[in-house]
Amino acid sequence: CLYFGSLRSSMMTLYKSIFGGMLWGEAVDALEVIGFVHQVVFLAFVVVMLTIMCNCVIGMVLGIRQEIRSQKTEHLIGDEMQRRETFILALRDLFWEMDINKTGEINKDEMMLACQDIRIDALLAGFGIRIFDVERIFDFMDVNGKAAIGIDDFIMACQQLHGPGRAADILFLHQKVDQIFQQLTELGAHDQSSVPSAERPALNSLSESELEGRGRGSTGAAGREGLGEADHGGNGVGSTGHAAVDIHLQPDEADQIEGAMQSRMRVQSRTGCIIEQVERRAMTLNELRELGGIIKAACSSDKWVDPKTGEGLLPGQVTLYALIHNFVGPLTALEGVKLVGLSGGPYKKGQHVVQAAKRAIGTVRDDSPGPDVEVDLWRGHFCLNAGPVCLDGVDAGTLERVDVPTSRSYKELIAHGPLKPSWYCTHWWGEPVLDFIACVSEHASGRRLSNPSYWVCGYANRQNTVEAD
């Protein structure tokens, strides 16, 4: 046989069949005289060898390609790092040239003088930075509002101005963001403007029937957004006068309040600190998660209620409105609230004080001759123009003023010091707090952030004196 007559010819036939020296079909035809089994074995050999050869070739090609790409990426990274390092060094040299007084900071006069220098203007243009309005550029760079720019702020601002976007475009966008931030802050302040509260959170509730059927203020002033308005009319309450309103706390109210106080010792035992700058009251992700743990632990056991309906809540139903009503507001009025303008008195320590329209429950702090009285608030918030205030179920008149001697934000109660936010959050107060915490947790996880900080108005603003913030 020409193809398989000897060992030598058989080896050559196999080699040629694999590497294209001959058509493997001719070898199959030659094996027909020997038998079908030999043809099958030969075909299996061809399939296996071609598969191995193809995989080897493809693997070699892909390996070479990957190596080339890796070398190219490393080269690009090295070039970019070198370019940035050169750029920053050049900016440092430029900063010290502009710092005429050598104080380590550039004021507005120094920048204006420097920008009049043609050489410095040319250097900035070479960096892709065109300064058309010195004052606006200076305000953009002065992130701390100190009327002076440090070297780090200068370099960071120049890096932001550098690039394909024009300086004017970037300034425009930056100012728009500032305007939106200011509008959102004002909106949050307006939304919370009627939230005076007292020292520790009230953790017990009046039943729905007690609040619905025993009288409400007739003036019906609007509350915060989402809390609705006080109902008009009521049992025995006219438009100009007030009748006795029989509102009593549950028999186990004192025990419930004591349990609520214990559940919040984790917060009250902290010393905290005063942070005057509202924008530095950011919450870390760990602090938000700890707050979520408090909600889960305290909501059901302390009988938190919906501030509008008075119905009991589960942890997953606690919104920011409910959290302020049941926990944050009362907790952050460190010395209680002072109710001014009532007609009652004298007052005895521990007497129950209730304003049904706002579902506010408190107790008298100390014996007082009246008519004004200091109250520890356990739930809700006392408000002007929201109906009568009752003392142990007896109408004590309406409020002329609510004073909060010492008001803090929730962040100040748990903070070790000021914290600049990494992110600013604005969200609907009707969203469950646990859902919000889950969202920021996912945000941090997706961006691989270890413990980022978030500015949230409900925890940054002093809820009892929002207008002052």
Protein backbone atom coordinates (compact mmCIF):
# COMPACT_ATOMS: atom_id res chain seq x y z
CA CYS A 1 0.00 0.00 0.00
CA LEU A 2 1.36 3.43 -0.91
CA TYR A 3 0.20 5.15 2.29
CA PHE A 4 0.37 2.42 4.90
CA GLY A 5 2.71 -0.19 3.43
CA SER A 6 5.36 0.30 6.13
CA LEU A 7 5.91 2.05 9.45
CA ARG A 8 7.77 4.86 7.71
CA SER A 9 5.06 5.45 5.09
CA SER A 10 2.32 5.27 7.76
CA MET A 11 4.06 7.92 9.92
CA MET A 12 4.50 10.20 6.91
CA THR A 13 0.85 9.77 5.96
CA LEU A 14 -0.29 10.75 9.44
CA TYR A 15 2.05 13.77 9.47
CA LYS A 16 0.91 14.94 6.01
CA SER A 17 -2.75 14.55 6.96
CA ILE A 18 -2.34 16.84 9.95
CA PHE A 19 -0.17 19.58 8.46
CA GLY A 20 -1.65 19.77 4.95
CA GLY A 21 0.89 17.73 3.02
CA MET A 22 -1.96 15.70 1.56
CA LEU A 23 -5.71 15.42 1.73
CA TRP A 24 -6.69 13.17 4.61
CA GLY A 25 -9.56 11.86 2.47
CA GLU A 26 -7.10 10.08 0.23
CA ALA A 27 -5.72 8.20 3.25
CA VAL A 28 -9.25 7.23 4.30
CA ASP A 29 -9.93 5.83 0.83
CA ALA A 30 -6.69 3.85 0.95
CA LEU A 31 -7.81 2.25 4.27
CA GLU A 32 -11.04 1.04 2.75
CA VAL A 33 -9.42 -2.20 1.60
CA ILE A 34 -8.26 -2.95 5.16
CA GLY A 35 -11.58 -2.38 6.87
CA PHE A 36 -14.05 0.14 8.29
CA VAL A 37 -12.61 0.03 11.81
CA HIS A 38 -9.25 1.33 10.60
CA GLN A 39 -10.97 4.21 8.81
CA VAL A 40 -12.80 5.22 12.04
CA VAL A 41 -9.58 5.11 14.05
CA PHE A 42 -7.82 7.27 11.46
CA LEU A 43 -10.64 9.82 11.44
CA ALA A 44 -10.60 10.00 15.27
CA PHE A 45 -6.85 10.63 15.12
CA VAL A 46 -7.33 13.48 12.64
CA VAL A 47 -10.08 15.11 14.74
CA VAL A 48 -8.12 14.94 17.99
CA MET A 49 -4.89 16.23 16.47
CA LEU A 50 -6.58 19.12 14.62
CA THR A 51 -8.41 20.15 17.82
CA ILE A 52 -5.21 20.13 19.87
CA MET A 53 -3.32 22.03 17.21
CA CYS A 54 -6.02 24.68 16.86
CA ASN A 55 -6.21 25.20 20.63
CA CYS A 56 -2.46 25.54 20.87
CA VAL A 57 -2.30 28.08 18.08
CA ILE A 58 -5.21 30.09 19.43
CA GLY A 59 -3.75 30.01 22.95
CA MET A 60 -0.42 31.25 21.70
CA VAL A 61 -2.03 34.09 19.76
CA LEU A 62 -4.22 35.16 22.68
CA GLY A 63 -1.28 34.99 25.08
CA ILE A 64 0.82 37.21 22.86
CA ARG A 65 -2.09 39.64 22.46
CA GLN A 66 -2.72 39.80 26.21
CA GLU A 67 0.93 40.42 26.92
CA ILE A 68 1.03 43.24 24.38
CA ARG A 69 -2.12 44.77 25.85
CA SER A 70 -0.77 44.51 29.40
CA GLN A 71 2.48 46.18 28.42
CA LYS A 72 0.54 48.89 26.61
CA THR A 73 -1.72 49.50 29.63
CA GLU A 74 1.23 49.72 32.01
CA HIS A 75 2.92 52.09 29.62
CA LEU A 76 -0.19 54.29 29.42
CA ILE A 77 -0.60 54.29 33.22
CA GLY A 78 3.05 55.18 33.69
CA ASP A 79 2.80 58.00 31.16
CA GLU A 80 -0.38 59.34 32.77
CA MET A 81 1.12 59.24 36.27
CA GLN A 82 4.22 60.97 35.01
CA ARG A 83 2.11 63.60 33.25
CA ARG A 84 0.05 64.27 36.36
CA GLU A 85 3.11 64.47 38.57
CA THR A 86 4.70 66.95 36.17
CA PHE A 87 1.45 68.95 36.05
CA ILE A 88 1.19 69.12 39.86
CA LEU A 89 4.84 70.12 40.26
CA ALA A 90 4.33 72.88 37.70
CA LEU A 91 1.22 74.08 39.57
CA ARG A 92 3.19 74.14 42.83
CA ASP A 93 5.86 76.30 41.25
CA LEU A 94 3.15 78.56 39.84
CA PHE A 95 1.46 78.83 43.25
CA TRP A 96 4.67 80.00 44.93
CA GLU A 97 5.17 82.56 42.18
CA MET A 98 1.68 83.92 42.74
CA ASP A 99 2.14 83.91 46.54
CA ILE A 100 3.91 87.26 46.66
CA ASN A 101 3.93 87.49 50.47
CA LYS A 102 5.17 83.88 50.83
CA THR A 103 2.54 83.12 53.47
CA GLY A 104 1.51 79.80 51.96
CA GLU A 105 -1.85 81.26 50.91
CA ILE A 106 -3.00 83.43 48.01
CA ASN A 107 -5.48 86.21 48.67
CA LYS A 108 -7.64 87.91 46.07
CA ASP A 109 -5.27 90.86 45.60
CA GLU A 110 -2.33 88.55 44.97
CA MET A 111 -4.30 86.61 42.39
CA MET A 112 -5.39 89.77 40.58
CA LEU A 113 -1.80 91.00 40.45
CA ALA A 114 -0.55 87.63 39.26
CA CYS A 115 -3.14 87.39 36.48
CA GLN A 116 -2.00 90.76 35.17
CA ASP A 117 1.42 89.23 34.56
CA ILE A 118 1.54 88.12 30.91
CA ARG A 119 3.96 85.31 31.72
CA ILE A 120 1.72 83.78 34.41
CA ASP A 121 -1.32 84.19 32.17
CA ALA A 122 0.58 82.32 29.42
CA LEU A 123 1.51 79.54 31.88
CA LEU A 124 -2.12 79.11 32.90
CA ALA A 125 -3.15 79.04 29.25
CA GLY A 126 -0.53 76.36 28.65
CA PHE A 127 -2.23 74.27 31.34
CA GLY A 128 -5.54 74.68 29.52
CA ILE A 129 -6.81 77.21 32.09
CA ARG A 130 -8.19 80.54 30.89
CA ILE A 131 -9.06 83.08 33.59
CA PHE A 132 -11.63 85.56 32.32
CA ASP A 133 -13.05 86.68 35.67
CA VAL A 134 -10.52 86.70 38.52
CA GLU A 135 -13.08 87.23 41.29
CA ARG A 136 -15.27 84.33 40.20
CA ILE A 137 -12.27 82.06 39.78
CA PHE A 138 -11.02 83.06 43.24
CA ASP A 139 -14.43 82.35 44.81
CA PHE A 140 -14.44 78.99 43.04
CA MET A 141 -11.02 78.10 44.47
CA ASP A 142 -11.81 79.41 47.96
CA VAL A 143 -13.77 76.33 49.04
CA ASN A 144 -13.44 77.10 52.78
CA GLY A 145 -14.61 80.71 52.50
CA LYS A 146 -11.47 82.03 54.25
CA ALA A 147 -10.72 84.66 51.56
CA ALA A 148 -7.42 82.84 51.06
CA ILE A 149 -6.44 79.87 48.92
CA GLY A 150 -4.05 77.20 50.18
CA ILE A 151 -1.80 75.26 47.87
CA ASP A 152 -3.92 72.09 48.02
CA ASP A 153 -7.11 73.99 47.16
CA PHE A 154 -5.27 75.78 44.35
CA ILE A 155 -4.01 72.54 42.81
CA MET A 156 -7.39 70.83 43.13
CA ALA A 157 -9.22 73.77 41.52
CA CYS A 158 -6.71 73.96 38.68
CA GLN A 159 -7.17 70.25 38.03
CA GLN A 160 -10.93 70.79 37.85
CA LEU A 161 -10.53 73.74 35.49
CA HIS A 162 -8.02 71.89 33.34
CA GLY A 163 -9.41 69.93 30.43
CA PRO A 164 -11.65 70.22 27.41
CA GLY A 165 -14.38 72.15 29.24
CA ARG A 166 -13.92 75.90 29.40
CA ALA A 167 -13.44 77.57 32.76
CA ALA A 168 -16.62 79.57 32.31
CA ASP A 169 -18.61 76.37 31.70
CA ILE A 170 -17.26 74.73 34.84
CA LEU A 171 -17.95 77.82 36.95
CA PHE A 172 -21.48 77.97 35.63
CA LEU A 173 -22.14 74.36 36.55
CA HIS A 174 -20.52 74.80 39.96
CA GLN A 175 -22.68 77.82 40.76
CA LYS A 176 -25.79 75.99 39.60
CA VAL A 177 -25.01 73.13 41.97
CA ASP A 178 -24.53 75.63 44.82
CA GLN A 179 -27.87 77.23 44.02
CA ILE A 180 -29.63 73.87 44.00
CA PHE A 181 -27.98 72.95 47.32
CA GLN A 182 -29.13 76.24 48.86
CA GLN A 183 -32.67 75.79 47.56
CA LEU A 184 -32.86 72.25 48.93
CA THR A 185 -31.53 73.44 52.30
CA GLU A 186 -34.14 76.19 52.47
CA LEU A 187 -36.85 73.73 51.42
CA GLY A 188 -35.78 71.33 54.17
CA ALA A 189 -35.81 74.15 56.72
CA HIS A 190 -39.27 75.24 55.63
CA ASP A 191 -40.47 71.65 55.70
CA GLN A 192 -39.35 71.26 59.31
CA SER A 193 -40.04 74.77 60.59
CA SER A 194 -42.73 73.67 63.06
CA VAL A 195 -40.86 70.91 64.83
CA PRO A 196 -40.20 71.93 68.43
CA SER A 197 -39.58 68.86 70.62
CA ALA A 198 -38.25 67.91 74.02
CA GLU A 199 -35.55 66.01 75.81
CA ARG A 200 -35.96 62.26 75.47
CA PRO A 201 -38.15 60.37 73.07
CA ALA A 202 -41.61 59.51 74.13
CA LEU A 203 -42.17 55.91 73.72
CA ASN A 204 -45.79 55.39 74.58
CA SER A 205 -48.89 56.29 72.72
CA LEU A 206 -52.43 57.35 73.20
CA SER A 207 -54.87 54.99 71.58
CA GLU A 208 -56.39 56.12 68.30
CA SER A 209 -59.88 56.37 69.83
CA GLU A 210 -58.62 58.66 72.59
CA LEU A 211 -57.06 61.08 70.15
CA GLU A 212 -59.83 60.96 67.57
CA GLY A 213 -62.78 61.40 69.90
CA ARG A 214 -61.66 63.68 72.72
CA GLY A 215 -61.13 67.01 71.16
CA ARG A 216 -58.79 68.86 68.83
CA GLY A 217 -57.85 72.47 68.37
CA SER A 218 -60.17 74.46 66.12
CA THR A 219 -57.64 76.83 64.64
CA GLY A 220 -56.16 74.04 62.51
CA ALA A 221 -52.73 75.46 61.67
CA ALA A 222 -50.88 73.47 59.08
CA GLY A 223 -48.08 71.25 60.29
CA ARG A 224 -45.01 70.13 58.48
CA GLU A 225 -45.40 68.65 55.02
CA GLY A 226 -46.62 65.09 55.22
CA LEU A 227 -48.15 65.57 58.70
CA GLY A 228 -51.29 67.21 57.36
CA GLU A 229 -53.37 69.76 59.28
CA ALA A 230 -55.05 69.76 62.66
CA ASP A 231 -58.72 68.87 62.39
CA HIS A 232 -61.26 71.66 62.80
CA GLY A 233 -63.85 71.49 65.51
CA GLY A 234 -63.96 68.68 68.03
CA ASN A 235 -65.91 67.57 71.03
CA GLY A 236 -66.69 70.59 73.18
CA VAL A 237 -64.15 72.89 71.50
CA GLY A 238 -65.49 75.96 69.77
CA SER A 239 -63.79 78.43 67.48
CA THR A 240 -63.12 80.97 70.19
CA GLY A 241 -63.03 79.02 73.46
CA HIS A 242 -61.76 75.74 74.85
CA ALA A 243 -63.53 73.12 76.89
CA ALA A 244 -62.06 70.47 79.11
CA VAL A 245 -60.66 67.64 77.03
CA ASP A 246 -60.61 64.26 78.70
CA ILE A 247 -57.38 62.78 77.41
CA HIS A 248 -55.62 60.22 79.61
CA LEU A 249 -52.52 58.19 79.08
CA GLN A 250 -52.58 54.43 79.20
CA PRO A 251 -52.25 52.98 82.73
CA ASP A 252 -48.84 51.50 81.92
CA GLU A 253 -47.50 54.75 80.44
CA ALA A 254 -44.87 55.27 83.14
CA ASP A 255 -43.51 51.74 82.68
CA GLN A 256 -43.41 52.20 78.93
CA ILE A 257 -41.54 55.50 79.23
CA GLU A 258 -39.02 53.89 81.56
CA GLY A 259 -38.44 51.10 79.06
CA ALA A 260 -38.03 53.60 76.28
CA MET A 261 -35.43 55.53 78.26
CA GLN A 262 -33.45 52.33 78.77
CA SER A 263 -33.55 51.45 75.08
CA ARG A 264 -31.96 54.79 74.23
CA MET A 265 -29.14 54.73 76.74
CA ARG A 266 -26.82 53.78 73.87
CA VAL A 267 -27.34 57.30 72.50
CA GLN A 268 -27.83 59.29 75.69
CA SER A 269 -24.71 57.86 77.30
CA ARG A 270 -22.55 59.49 74.63
CA THR A 271 -21.03 62.87 75.35
CA GLY A 272 -21.33 64.16 71.78
CA CYS A 273 -20.12 67.61 70.82
CA ILE A 274 -21.40 70.93 69.55
CA ILE A 275 -20.91 71.47 65.80
CA GLU A 276 -21.84 75.01 64.83
CA GLN A 277 -21.38 74.52 61.08
CA VAL A 278 -24.45 72.69 59.79
CA GLU A 279 -22.57 71.53 56.70
CA ARG A 280 -20.10 69.66 58.94
CA ARG A 281 -22.77 67.46 60.54
CA ALA A 282 -22.49 64.51 58.16
CA MET A 283 -23.43 60.99 59.23
CA THR A 284 -21.04 58.13 58.52
CA LEU A 285 -22.40 54.96 56.99
CA ASN A 286 -21.69 53.10 60.24
CA GLU A 287 -23.69 55.70 62.20
CA LEU A 288 -26.63 55.33 59.82
CA ARG A 289 -26.49 51.55 60.19
CA GLU A 290 -26.40 51.92 63.98
CA LEU A 291 -29.49 54.13 63.74
CA GLY A 292 -31.15 51.39 61.73
CA GLY A 293 -30.39 48.99 64.57
CA ILE A 294 -32.03 51.38 67.05
CA ILE A 295 -35.16 51.54 64.88
CA LYS A 296 -35.39 47.76 64.74
CA ALA A 297 -34.87 47.42 68.49
CA ALA A 298 -37.06 50.26 69.75
CA CYS A 299 -39.93 50.70 67.28
CA SER A 300 -42.16 47.82 68.39
CA SER A 301 -41.14 47.59 72.04
CA ASP A 302 -41.52 51.34 72.58
CA LYS A 303 -44.79 51.57 70.62
CA TRP A 304 -43.79 54.12 68.00
CA VAL A 305 -46.77 55.56 66.16
CA ASP A 306 -47.50 57.23 62.86
CA PRO A 307 -47.54 61.01 63.55
CA LYS A 308 -50.59 61.51 61.33
CA THR A 309 -52.82 58.53 62.09
CA GLY A 310 -51.59 57.46 65.52
CA GLU A 311 -51.39 53.84 64.40
CA GLY A 312 -48.59 51.62 65.63
CA LEU A 313 -45.59 51.10 63.36
CA LEU A 314 -43.31 48.25 62.42
CA PRO A 315 -39.59 48.99 61.89
CA GLY A 316 -39.97 48.81 58.10
CA GLN A 317 -42.74 51.45 58.24
CA VAL A 318 -40.76 54.08 60.14
CA THR A 319 -40.31 57.14 57.90
CA LEU A 320 -38.24 60.20 58.70
CA TYR A 321 -41.45 61.94 59.81
CA ALA A 322 -42.11 59.13 62.29
CA LEU A 323 -38.47 58.99 63.42
CA ILE A 324 -38.45 62.73 64.20
CA HIS A 325 -41.84 62.45 65.94
CA ASN A 326 -40.98 59.46 68.13
CA PHE A 327 -37.22 59.65 68.59
CA VAL A 328 -34.98 62.36 67.17
CA GLY A 329 -37.08 65.41 68.05
CA PRO A 330 -37.68 64.58 71.73
CA LEU A 331 -34.16 63.22 72.16
CA THR A 332 -32.44 66.39 70.92
CA ALA A 333 -34.18 68.90 73.22
CA LEU A 334 -31.71 68.33 76.01
CA GLU A 335 -33.45 70.46 78.65
CA GLY A 336 -37.01 69.92 77.53
CA VAL A 337 -39.33 72.66 76.23
CA LYS A 338 -40.94 75.62 77.93
CA LEU A 339 -44.64 76.18 77.20
CA VAL A 340 -45.54 79.86 77.47
CA GLY A 341 -49.01 81.36 77.65
CA LEU A 342 -51.02 78.60 79.34
CA SER A 343 -53.73 79.44 81.85
CA GLY A 344 -53.05 76.57 84.23
CA GLY A 345 -51.00 76.30 87.37
CA PRO A 346 -49.66 75.56 89.81
CA TYR A 347 -48.01 72.52 88.23
CA LYS A 348 -46.76 69.37 89.90
CA LYS A 349 -43.76 67.39 88.73
CA GLY A 350 -44.80 64.41 86.65
CA GLN A 351 -48.22 65.74 85.57
CA HIS A 352 -49.17 64.71 82.04
CA VAL A 353 -49.27 67.42 79.38
CA VAL A 354 -51.00 66.62 76.06
CA GLN A 355 -51.71 68.49 72.82
CA ALA A 356 -54.00 66.11 70.94
CA ALA A 357 -53.82 67.82 67.54
CA LYS A 358 -50.07 67.20 67.37
CA ARG A 359 -50.14 63.93 69.32
CA ALA A 360 -47.69 65.53 71.73
CA ILE A 361 -47.23 63.88 75.12
CA GLY A 362 -45.04 65.28 77.89
CA THR A 363 -44.60 65.46 81.64
CA VAL A 364 -43.96 68.46 83.88
CA ARG A 365 -40.25 68.62 84.76
CA ASP A 366 -40.50 70.33 88.17
CA ASP A 367 -43.04 71.92 90.47
CA SER A 368 -43.98 75.34 89.15
CA PRO A 369 -46.47 78.06 90.17
CA GLY A 370 -47.32 78.72 86.50
CA PRO A 371 -48.63 79.92 84.18
CA ASP A 372 -45.57 78.89 82.13
CA VAL A 373 -44.29 75.35 82.54
CA GLU A 374 -41.21 73.34 81.57
CA VAL A 375 -42.00 69.96 80.07
CA ASP A 376 -40.12 66.79 79.16
CA LEU A 377 -41.53 65.76 75.80
CA TRP A 378 -41.96 62.04 75.23
CA ARG A 379 -43.60 62.08 71.85
CA GLY A 380 -44.56 64.54 69.10
CA HIS A 381 -44.05 68.29 69.37
CA PHE A 382 -46.04 71.13 70.88
CA CYS A 383 -47.07 73.76 68.34
CA LEU A 384 -48.68 77.18 68.25
CA ASN A 385 -52.17 77.44 66.77
CA ALA A 386 -52.71 73.70 67.05
CA GLY A 387 -55.47 73.52 69.61
CA PRO A 388 -55.57 73.40 73.38
CA VAL A 389 -52.99 71.92 75.71
CA CYS A 390 -54.44 69.69 78.42
CA LEU A 391 -53.01 69.08 81.87
CA ASP A 392 -54.09 65.71 83.26
CA GLY A 393 -57.08 65.84 80.90
CA VAL A 394 -58.13 69.40 81.78
CA ASP A 395 -57.92 72.22 79.23
CA ALA A 396 -55.03 74.56 80.16
CA GLY A 397 -55.47 76.97 77.24
CA THR A 398 -53.45 77.58 74.08
CA LEU A 399 -49.78 78.33 73.60
CA GLU A 400 -48.30 81.73 72.91
CA ARG A 401 -44.74 80.50 72.51
CA VAL A 402 -42.65 77.33 72.73
CA ASP A 403 -39.06 77.82 73.91
CA VAL A 404 -36.33 75.21 73.54
CA PRO A 405 -33.46 76.13 75.92
CA THR A 406 -30.93 73.63 74.53
CA SER A 407 -31.40 72.18 71.09
CA ARG A 408 -29.01 69.83 69.29
CA SER A 409 -29.02 67.82 66.10
CA TYR A 410 -28.98 64.03 66.22
CA LYS A 411 -25.49 64.07 64.74
CA GLU A 412 -24.23 66.29 67.58
CA LEU A 413 -25.47 63.78 70.15
CA ILE A 414 -23.34 60.95 68.74
CA ALA A 415 -20.42 62.82 67.14
CA HIS A 416 -16.81 62.98 68.21
CA GLY A 417 -16.21 66.08 66.09
CA PRO A 418 -17.20 67.89 62.89
CA LEU A 419 -17.32 65.79 59.73
CA LYS A 420 -17.31 67.06 56.17
CA PRO A 421 -19.76 65.09 53.99
CA SER A 422 -18.61 62.99 51.08
CA TRP A 423 -22.13 63.05 49.65
CA TYR A 424 -25.22 65.24 50.00
CA CYS A 425 -28.52 63.34 50.19
CA THR A 426 -31.96 64.75 49.55
CA HIS A 427 -34.90 62.36 49.68
CA TRP A 428 -38.60 62.14 50.43
CA TRP A 429 -39.28 62.09 54.15
CA GLY A 430 -42.05 59.56 53.55
CA GLU A 431 -39.52 56.91 52.50
CA PRO A 432 -38.87 54.22 55.14
CA VAL A 433 -35.62 55.01 56.93
CA LEU A 434 -34.42 51.41 56.70
CA ASP A 435 -34.87 51.54 52.91
CA PHE A 436 -32.82 54.74 52.77
CA ILE A 437 -30.03 53.13 54.82
CA ALA A 438 -30.09 50.11 52.49
CA CYS A 439 -29.76 52.46 49.50
CA VAL A 440 -26.70 54.29 50.85
CA SER A 441 -25.18 50.95 51.86
CA GLU A 442 -25.57 49.74 48.28
CA HIS A 443 -24.12 53.05 47.06
CA ALA A 444 -21.04 52.60 49.23
CA SER A 445 -20.68 48.96 48.22
CA GLY A 446 -20.95 49.71 44.51
CA ARG A 447 -18.28 52.40 44.76
CA ARG A 448 -16.14 50.34 47.16
CA LEU A 449 -16.22 53.03 49.87
CA SER A 450 -15.18 51.90 53.34
CA ASN A 451 -17.13 54.32 55.57
CA PRO A 452 -18.34 57.33 53.56
CA SER A 453 -20.18 60.28 55.10
CA TYR A 454 -23.61 61.51 54.04
CA TRP A 455 -25.29 64.84 54.83
CA VAL A 456 -28.97 64.25 55.64
CA CYS A 457 -31.12 67.16 56.82
CA GLY A 458 -33.09 65.07 59.33
CA TYR A 459 -29.92 64.34 61.30
CA ALA A 460 -27.86 67.45 60.50
CA ASN A 461 -30.44 70.12 61.36
CA ARG A 462 -31.47 70.87 64.92
CA GLN A 463 -35.06 69.75 64.61
CA ASN A 464 -36.31 71.85 67.51
CA THR A 465 -34.81 75.09 66.18
CA VAL A 466 -34.58 74.51 62.43
CA GLU A 467 -35.00 78.18 61.62
CA ALA A 468 -31.78 78.97 63.52
CA ASP A 469 -29.77 76.54 61.39
